[in-house]
Amino acid sequence: MRVEELVEQFAENVAAQTDAIRRADAREGNKHARKYAAALQELRTHGDAGRDALAVLLKHPRTDVRAMAAAFLLRYRTAEAKAVLEAVVKEGGIAAIGATMTLKRWEEGTWALDPE
C-alpha cells in the first residue's frame, strides 16, 4: 500500500474512533483504533518517508486527527508536533485530553510512541 493511502487510512480511522467515542460505542472505537494502529505500523516500515507522509496530518481540518498525528511525531518533528498539541489543549474537547497526557509524558521523558 502506498504511504498516501496509509496516511488516509490513519486519518479516517482516528476520526471514526472519535465519532464512536462520542456515541459511547467502545467496541466500534476499538475497531478503528486497531485500524489506525495498523496503518501507523505500516508507515513506520517506510522510516522517515512514512513519518514525513504522516506529517501532512499536522494541518488536517479535524482536531483529533491533528492531535493523534502530532502525538506520534513528537520525536521526529518535535517543534511542530508540540505546537499542534499545545493548540489542541487550548481548543478543549475530546482531543485535548489525549494531547494533555501526551505532552505530560513528553515532559516527563516517558513518551515512547515512536522509538528510534
Protein backbone atom coordinates (compact mmCIF):
# COMPACT_ATOMS: atom_id res chain seq x y z
CA MET A 1 0.00 0.00 0.00
CA ARG A 2 1.29 3.48 -0.83
CA VAL A 3 2.19 5.80 2.05
CA GLU A 4 -0.51 8.27 1.00
CA GLU A 5 -3.13 5.54 1.32
CA LEU A 6 -1.80 4.59 4.75
CA VAL A 7 -1.99 8.22 5.87
CA GLU A 8 -5.57 8.40 4.62
CA GLN A 9 -6.40 5.16 6.45
CA PHE A 10 -4.83 6.55 9.64
CA ALA A 11 -6.83 9.80 9.43
CA GLU A 12 -10.14 8.12 8.58
CA ASN A 13 -9.86 5.68 11.47
CA VAL A 14 -8.79 8.28 14.04
CA ALA A 15 -11.85 10.33 13.06
CA ALA A 16 -14.09 7.25 13.15
CA GLN A 17 -12.77 6.32 16.60
CA THR A 18 -13.55 9.79 17.94
CA ASP A 19 -17.04 9.63 16.46
CA ALA A 20 -17.56 6.23 18.12
CA ILE A 21 -16.38 7.61 21.46
CA ARG A 22 -18.91 10.44 21.16
CA ARG A 23 -21.61 7.79 20.66
CA ALA A 24 -20.26 5.83 23.67
CA ASP A 25 -19.55 2.87 21.36
CA ALA A 26 -16.34 1.44 22.77
CA ARG A 27 -16.43 -1.67 20.59
CA GLU A 28 -16.57 0.38 17.39
CA GLY A 29 -13.95 2.79 18.74
CA ASN A 30 -11.56 -0.07 19.49
CA LYS A 31 -12.07 -1.46 15.99
CA HIS A 32 -10.97 1.86 14.47
CA ALA A 33 -8.07 2.18 16.92
CA ARG A 34 -6.73 -1.17 15.70
CA LYS A 35 -7.04 0.01 12.09
CA TYR A 36 -5.18 3.29 12.59
CA ALA A 37 -2.54 1.49 14.66
CA ALA A 38 -2.04 -0.97 11.78
CA ALA A 39 -1.68 1.91 9.31
CA LEU A 40 0.84 3.55 11.61
CA GLN A 41 2.86 0.34 11.92
CA GLU A 42 2.98 0.06 8.14
CA LEU A 43 4.03 3.71 7.83
CA ARG A 44 6.89 3.01 10.25
CA THR A 45 8.25 0.38 7.89
CA HIS A 46 8.91 3.26 5.47
CA GLY A 47 11.12 5.03 8.04
CA ASP A 48 11.36 8.78 7.79
CA ALA A 49 9.47 8.78 4.48
CA GLY A 50 6.50 7.33 6.37
CA ARG A 51 6.87 9.93 9.11
CA ASP A 52 7.07 12.72 6.53
CA ALA A 53 3.89 11.40 4.91
CA LEU A 54 2.12 11.35 8.30
CA ALA A 55 3.24 14.92 8.97
CA VAL A 56 0.77 16.26 6.39
CA LEU A 57 -1.91 15.47 9.00
CA LEU A 58 -0.49 18.13 11.32
CA LYS A 59 -2.61 20.52 9.24
CA HIS A 60 -5.69 18.30 8.96
CA PRO A 61 -9.05 20.06 9.43
CA ARG A 62 -10.08 17.73 12.28
CA THR A 63 -8.52 18.43 15.66
CA ASP A 64 -8.49 14.77 16.68
CA VAL A 65 -6.55 13.77 13.57
CA ARG A 66 -4.02 16.59 14.01
CA ALA A 67 -3.53 15.66 17.67
CA MET A 68 -3.05 11.95 17.02
CA ALA A 69 -0.57 12.56 14.22
CA ALA A 70 1.31 15.03 16.44
CA ALA A 71 1.43 12.51 19.28
CA PHE A 72 3.24 10.02 17.06
CA LEU A 73 5.53 12.64 15.51
CA LEU A 74 6.92 14.24 18.68
CA ARG A 75 10.38 12.72 18.38
CA TYR A 76 10.67 13.29 14.64
CA ARG A 77 9.06 16.74 14.33
CA THR A 78 9.29 17.99 17.90
CA ALA A 79 8.62 21.73 17.46
CA GLU A 80 5.74 21.27 15.01
CA ALA A 81 4.15 18.44 16.95
CA LYS A 82 4.38 20.25 20.29
CA ALA A 83 2.82 23.37 18.76
CA VAL A 84 -0.09 21.31 17.41
CA LEU A 85 -0.63 19.54 20.74
CA GLU A 86 -0.48 22.81 22.69
CA ALA A 87 -3.07 24.35 20.35
CA VAL A 88 -5.31 21.30 20.76
CA VAL A 89 -5.11 21.63 24.56
CA LYS A 90 -6.27 25.25 24.26
CA GLU A 91 -9.16 24.25 21.98
CA GLY A 92 -10.51 21.78 24.54
CA GLY A 93 -12.73 18.82 23.71
CA ILE A 94 -12.03 15.11 23.50
CA ALA A 95 -8.71 15.50 21.69
CA ALA A 96 -7.43 17.89 24.37
CA ILE A 97 -7.38 15.09 26.94
CA GLY A 98 -5.02 12.96 24.87
CA ALA A 99 -2.93 15.99 23.89
CA THR A 100 -2.51 16.96 27.54
CA MET A 101 -1.40 13.46 28.51
CA THR A 102 0.97 13.21 25.53
CA LEU A 103 2.66 16.50 26.42
CA LYS A 104 2.91 15.41 30.05
CA ARG A 105 4.59 12.12 29.07
CA TRP A 106 6.94 14.02 26.73
CA GLU A 107 7.98 16.41 29.50
CA GLU A 108 8.44 13.51 31.97
CA GLY A 109 10.63 11.70 29.47
CA THR A 110 8.32 8.67 29.41
CA TRP A 111 6.86 9.24 25.92
CA ALA A 112 7.57 6.23 23.68
CA LEU A 113 5.10 6.26 20.82
CA ASP A 114 7.73 6.23 18.06
CA PRO A 115 11.03 4.82 19.30
CA GLU A 116 14.12 5.37 17.18
